[in-house]
């Protein structure tokens, strides 16, 4: 009788374990289906745009000399990639772009935190910030070229300049818009000013700071492409301008598509990093 009871319990345990596994598999299946649905839903407009790009020149609605079909452009893009030309130009652009962007991160975020939190620093630096932030980066590109030459330094400097102000302004805004109740609660718990800044102000500012990070990342590519059209011998901006002047239209579009793809990937990477750094905020929202 005891053996029968033991076998029965073991069998029941196996059934329960199998039921749990089926439940987990069903849950994963539902999650995967939901994600696929979201991806498809968000891709409808892009798919429609790409389809129109393919069909309009093929059916003579636009001269395919100036707007080749998408398939022809992608074939040219693949040929440029295999030849190594595209990777060389992209590597040159990314080196310059990430160089200026990284310098802007190191420079802007600490200063933005200081301006947002300490009134005296704000009073000292705000007038200078207001003077320069209304001057477009490309408007002073000739100044950078005159002072720093046509080499890498001027291109990294113009990217740095373009990235600084979105980062600064969003960092300042993030600090100044921290919920006052959070600050009062932290002070009531006896946190020192240093700990208050580290444990409350900086974490609460990260979502707004990342808005500036994403804006600056986009600016680092867009401004650089324009800068590379002046006095550069390599880079995606140079590739686009050179192929335009040489009437190599497919190669020109291939360069434009590459820039768009890089910007898209960079944005998704930054969104992923932001979610990881603000996981605490999402956890609170779930409750």
Protein backbone atom coordinates (compact mmCIF):
# COMPACT_ATOMS: atom_id res chain seq x y z
CA UNK A 1 0.00 0.00 0.00
CA UNK A 2 2.84 2.39 0.92
CA UNK A 3 4.65 1.58 -2.34
CA UNK A 4 1.43 2.27 -4.29
CA UNK A 5 1.05 5.65 -2.55
CA UNK A 6 4.68 6.53 -3.33
CA UNK A 7 4.27 5.62 -7.00
CA UNK A 8 1.06 7.63 -7.16
CA UNK A 9 2.75 10.70 -5.65
CA UNK A 10 5.71 10.33 -8.03
CA UNK A 11 3.35 10.06 -11.00
CA UNK A 12 1.40 13.09 -9.82
CA UNK A 13 4.63 15.03 -9.42
CA UNK A 14 5.63 14.14 -12.97
CA UNK A 15 2.25 15.33 -14.24
CA UNK A 16 2.60 18.61 -12.35
CA UNK A 17 6.12 19.13 -13.73
CA UNK A 18 4.91 18.40 -17.26
CA UNK A 19 2.03 20.84 -16.73
CA UNK A 20 4.44 23.55 -15.61
CA UNK A 21 6.63 22.99 -18.64
CA UNK A 22 3.64 23.17 -20.96
CA UNK A 23 2.60 26.40 -19.24
CA UNK A 24 6.07 27.88 -19.65
CA UNK A 25 6.20 26.88 -23.31
CA UNK A 26 2.74 28.37 -23.85
CA UNK A 27 3.88 31.59 -22.16
CA UNK A 28 7.01 31.80 -24.31
CA UNK A 29 4.90 31.12 -27.40
CA UNK A 30 2.50 33.94 -26.54
CA UNK A 31 5.39 36.32 -25.83
CA UNK A 32 7.10 35.45 -29.13
CA UNK A 33 3.83 35.84 -31.04
CA UNK A 34 3.21 39.23 -29.45
CA UNK A 35 6.72 40.44 -30.29
CA UNK A 36 6.42 39.24 -33.88
CA UNK A 37 3.08 41.03 -34.16
CA UNK A 38 4.61 44.26 -32.84
CA UNK A 39 7.55 43.98 -35.27
CA UNK A 40 5.24 43.36 -38.22
CA UNK A 41 2.89 46.17 -37.19
CA UNK A 42 5.75 48.64 -36.85
CA UNK A 43 7.26 47.52 -40.18
CA UNK A 44 4.17 48.06 -42.32
CA UNK A 45 4.92 51.69 -43.21
CA UNK A 46 8.59 50.94 -43.92
CA UNK A 47 7.65 47.96 -46.09
CA UNK A 48 5.17 50.07 -48.04
CA UNK A 49 7.79 52.79 -48.59
CA UNK A 50 10.38 50.28 -49.83
CA UNK A 51 7.84 48.63 -52.11
CA UNK A 52 6.92 51.99 -53.66
CA UNK A 53 10.62 52.74 -54.12
CA UNK A 54 10.96 49.50 -56.09
CA UNK A 55 7.81 49.88 -58.19
CA UNK A 56 7.76 53.59 -59.07
CA UNK A 57 10.93 53.59 -61.23
CA UNK A 58 10.20 50.13 -62.67
CA UNK A 59 6.81 51.25 -64.03
CA UNK A 60 8.12 54.53 -65.42
CA UNK A 61 6.47 56.82 -62.87
CA UNK A 62 9.92 58.31 -62.23
CA UNK A 63 13.03 58.31 -64.41
CA UNK A 64 15.13 55.42 -63.10
CA UNK A 65 18.29 57.35 -64.01
CA UNK A 66 17.70 59.60 -61.02
CA UNK A 67 15.74 57.14 -58.86
CA UNK A 68 16.90 53.58 -59.56
CA UNK A 69 14.84 50.66 -58.23
CA UNK A 70 15.67 49.65 -54.69
CA UNK A 71 16.85 46.19 -55.77
CA UNK A 72 19.43 47.74 -58.13
CA UNK A 73 20.68 50.03 -55.37
CA UNK A 74 20.98 47.14 -52.92
CA UNK A 75 22.95 45.16 -55.50
CA UNK A 76 25.34 48.10 -55.90
CA UNK A 77 25.55 48.42 -52.11
CA UNK A 78 26.54 44.76 -51.86
CA UNK A 79 29.21 45.18 -54.54
CA UNK A 80 30.66 48.19 -52.71
CA UNK A 81 30.68 46.20 -49.49
CA UNK A 82 32.48 43.24 -51.09
CA UNK A 83 35.06 45.52 -52.71
CA UNK A 84 35.87 47.08 -49.32
CA UNK A 85 35.20 50.65 -50.46
CA UNK A 86 32.04 50.99 -48.38
CA UNK A 87 33.62 49.61 -45.21
CA UNK A 88 36.61 51.95 -45.57
CA UNK A 89 34.39 55.02 -45.93
CA UNK A 90 32.07 53.89 -43.12
CA UNK A 91 35.01 53.17 -40.79
CA UNK A 92 36.45 56.65 -41.41
CA UNK A 93 33.09 58.31 -40.70
CA UNK A 94 32.38 56.23 -37.58
CA UNK A 95 35.83 56.95 -36.15
CA UNK A 96 35.29 60.68 -36.48
CA UNK A 97 31.68 60.53 -35.34
CA UNK A 98 32.29 58.39 -32.25
CA UNK A 99 35.39 60.42 -31.38
CA UNK A 100 33.49 63.69 -31.23
CA UNK A 101 30.47 62.05 -29.60
CA UNK A 102 32.57 60.43 -26.85
CA UNK A 103 34.34 63.72 -26.10
CA UNK A 104 30.96 65.46 -25.88
CA UNK A 105 29.69 62.82 -23.41
CA UNK A 106 32.74 63.23 -21.17
CA UNK A 107 32.52 67.01 -21.31
CA UNK A 108 28.78 67.76 -21.31
CA UNK A 109 27.24 65.42 -18.75
CA UNK A 110 29.41 66.45 -15.74
CA UNK A 111 29.05 70.14 -16.59
CA UNK A 112 25.31 69.75 -17.17
CA UNK A 113 24.90 68.05 -13.79
CA UNK A 114 26.83 70.86 -12.13
CA UNK A 115 24.83 73.61 -13.86
CA UNK A 116 21.54 71.92 -13.05
CA UNK A 117 22.32 71.30 -9.38
CA UNK A 118 24.48 74.22 -8.22
CA UNK A 119 23.03 77.67 -8.70
CA UNK A 120 26.37 79.49 -8.66
CA UNK A 121 27.74 77.33 -11.45
CA UNK A 122 24.56 77.99 -13.42
CA UNK A 123 24.86 81.75 -12.96
CA UNK A 124 28.49 81.62 -14.09
CA UNK A 125 28.15 79.42 -17.19
CA UNK A 126 24.60 80.04 -18.45
CA UNK A 127 25.38 83.29 -20.32
CA UNK A 128 28.16 81.58 -22.29
CA UNK A 129 25.92 78.58 -22.93
CA UNK A 130 23.12 80.80 -24.28
CA UNK A 131 25.60 82.58 -26.56
CA UNK A 132 26.93 79.45 -28.26
CA UNK A 133 23.91 77.16 -28.28
CA UNK A 134 22.07 79.36 -30.80
CA UNK A 135 24.95 79.16 -33.28
CA UNK A 136 24.50 76.29 -35.72
CA UNK A 137 27.44 73.92 -36.00
CA UNK A 138 27.61 74.08 -39.80
CA UNK A 139 27.56 77.89 -39.67
CA UNK A 140 30.94 77.90 -37.93
CA UNK A 141 32.43 74.99 -39.91
CA UNK A 142 34.64 77.44 -41.87
CA UNK A 143 36.05 78.69 -38.57
CA UNK A 144 36.98 75.16 -37.49
CA UNK A 145 38.65 74.57 -40.88
CA UNK A 146 40.59 77.83 -40.68
CA UNK A 147 41.79 77.18 -37.13
CA UNK A 148 42.29 73.40 -37.23
CA UNK A 149 42.86 72.67 -40.92
CA UNK A 150 41.21 70.14 -43.21
CA UNK A 151 42.40 67.08 -41.30
CA UNK A 152 40.74 64.86 -38.73
CA UNK A 153 40.91 67.41 -35.90
CA UNK A 154 38.48 69.87 -37.49
CA UNK A 155 35.96 67.12 -38.28
CA UNK A 156 36.04 65.66 -34.76
CA UNK A 157 35.79 69.20 -33.36
CA UNK A 158 32.67 70.05 -35.38
CA UNK A 159 31.02 66.79 -34.28
CA UNK A 160 31.95 67.59 -30.68
CA UNK A 161 30.42 71.06 -30.99
CA UNK A 162 27.20 69.69 -32.52
CA UNK A 163 26.83 67.07 -29.77
CA UNK A 164 27.62 69.24 -26.76
CA UNK A 165 24.47 71.34 -26.56
CA UNK A 166 21.75 68.67 -26.80
CA UNK A 167 23.60 66.79 -24.07
CA UNK A 168 24.08 69.87 -21.90
CA UNK A 169 20.52 71.12 -22.17
CA UNK A 170 18.90 67.75 -21.51
CA UNK A 171 21.22 67.03 -18.59
CA UNK A 172 20.40 70.39 -17.02
CA UNK A 173 16.68 69.80 -17.61
CA UNK A 174 16.90 66.30 -16.13
CA UNK A 175 18.48 67.56 -12.90
CA UNK A 176 16.14 70.51 -12.49
CA UNK A 177 13.02 68.41 -13.06
CA UNK A 178 13.74 65.74 -10.48
CA UNK A 179 10.65 65.23 -8.32
CA UNK A 180 11.02 67.49 -5.24
CA UNK A 181 9.32 64.81 -3.12
CA UNK A 182 12.19 62.43 -3.89
CA UNK A 183 14.71 65.03 -2.74
CA UNK A 184 12.75 65.78 0.45
CA UNK A 185 12.37 62.09 1.24
CA UNK A 186 16.08 61.47 0.75
CA UNK A 187 17.00 64.42 2.97
CA UNK A 188 14.58 63.29 5.65
CA UNK A 189 16.40 59.94 5.69
CA UNK A 190 19.62 61.75 6.50
CA UNK A 191 21.41 61.38 3.17
CA UNK A 192 24.44 63.64 2.80
CA UNK A 193 24.58 66.03 -0.18
CA UNK A 194 27.05 63.74 -1.97
CA UNK A 195 24.90 60.63 -1.46
CA UNK A 196 21.77 62.57 -2.39
CA UNK A 197 23.42 63.56 -5.66
CA UNK A 198 24.67 60.03 -6.38
CA UNK A 199 21.67 58.00 -5.23
CA UNK A 200 18.76 60.27 -6.19
CA UNK A 201 19.63 63.10 -8.58
CA UNK A 202 21.72 61.19 -11.11
CA UNK A 203 19.45 58.10 -11.39
CA UNK A 204 16.33 60.26 -11.67
CA UNK A 205 17.97 62.37 -14.39
CA UNK A 206 19.07 59.46 -16.60
CA UNK A 207 15.87 59.22 -18.74
CA UNK A 208 16.09 62.90 -19.71
CA UNK A 209 19.86 62.71 -20.19
CA UNK A 210 19.38 59.85 -22.61
CA UNK A 211 17.07 62.00 -24.72
CA UNK A 212 20.07 64.28 -25.18
CA UNK A 213 22.36 61.30 -25.81
CA UNK A 214 20.13 60.07 -28.65
CA UNK A 215 19.82 63.56 -30.12
CA UNK A 216 23.57 63.99 -29.98
CA UNK A 217 24.19 60.61 -31.57
CA UNK A 218 21.99 61.60 -34.51
CA UNK A 219 23.73 64.98 -34.76
CA UNK A 220 27.16 63.34 -34.70
CA UNK A 221 26.36 61.52 -37.94
CA UNK A 222 24.39 64.22 -39.74
CA UNK A 223 26.86 67.03 -39.07
CA UNK A 224 29.83 64.84 -39.90
CA UNK A 225 28.41 63.88 -43.30
CA UNK A 226 28.05 67.56 -44.16
CA UNK A 227 31.58 68.28 -42.87
CA UNK A 228 33.02 65.43 -44.95
CA UNK A 229 31.70 67.07 -48.08
CA UNK A 230 34.29 69.83 -47.53
CA UNK A 231 37.92 68.86 -47.93
CA UNK A 232 37.68 65.16 -47.07
CA UNK A 233 39.23 62.30 -49.01
CA UNK A 234 37.26 59.50 -47.38
CA UNK A 235 34.07 59.02 -45.41
CA UNK A 236 30.42 58.54 -46.26
CA UNK A 237 29.86 62.25 -46.86
CA UNK A 238 32.77 62.27 -49.30
CA UNK A 239 31.42 59.12 -50.98
CA UNK A 240 27.98 60.69 -51.50
CA UNK A 241 29.36 63.93 -52.90
CA UNK A 242 31.94 62.24 -55.13
CA UNK A 243 29.42 59.80 -56.61
CA UNK A 244 26.93 62.63 -57.16
CA UNK A 245 29.49 64.68 -59.11
CA UNK A 246 30.56 61.56 -61.05
CA UNK A 247 26.90 60.76 -61.82
CA UNK A 248 27.19 57.38 -60.11
CA UNK A 249 23.62 57.55 -58.83
CA UNK A 250 23.34 54.01 -57.48
CA UNK A 251 26.54 54.42 -55.47
CA UNK A 252 25.23 57.73 -54.12
CA UNK A 253 22.03 56.09 -52.88
CA UNK A 254 24.09 53.24 -51.41
CA UNK A 255 25.98 55.76 -49.29
CA UNK A 256 22.74 57.41 -48.15
CA UNK A 257 21.24 54.05 -47.19
CA UNK A 258 24.38 53.20 -45.21
CA UNK A 259 24.08 56.40 -43.20
CA UNK A 260 20.41 55.71 -42.47
CA UNK A 261 21.20 52.14 -41.40
CA UNK A 262 24.01 53.27 -39.08
CA UNK A 263 21.74 55.88 -37.48
CA UNK A 264 18.97 53.32 -36.99
CA UNK A 265 21.28 50.76 -35.38
CA UNK A 266 22.85 53.40 -33.14
CA UNK A 267 19.44 54.56 -31.96
CA UNK A 268 18.33 51.02 -31.07
CA UNK A 269 21.59 50.41 -29.19
CA UNK A 270 21.07 53.57 -27.14
CA UNK A 271 17.44 52.66 -26.44
CA UNK A 272 18.62 49.24 -25.20
CA UNK A 273 21.26 50.82 -22.93
CA UNK A 274 18.70 53.31 -21.61
CA UNK A 275 16.29 50.50 -20.70
CA UNK A 276 19.04 48.70 -18.83
CA UNK A 277 20.01 51.81 -16.88
CA UNK A 278 16.40 52.71 -16.07
CA UNK A 279 15.15 49.22 -15.25
CA UNK A 280 14.17 50.50 -11.80
CA UNK A 281 11.75 52.96 -13.41
CA UNK A 282 10.08 50.25 -15.49
CA UNK A 283 9.79 47.99 -12.44
CA UNK A 284 8.00 50.76 -10.53
CA UNK A 285 5.71 51.35 -13.52
CA UNK A 286 4.73 47.68 -13.58
CA UNK A 287 3.45 47.99 -10.03
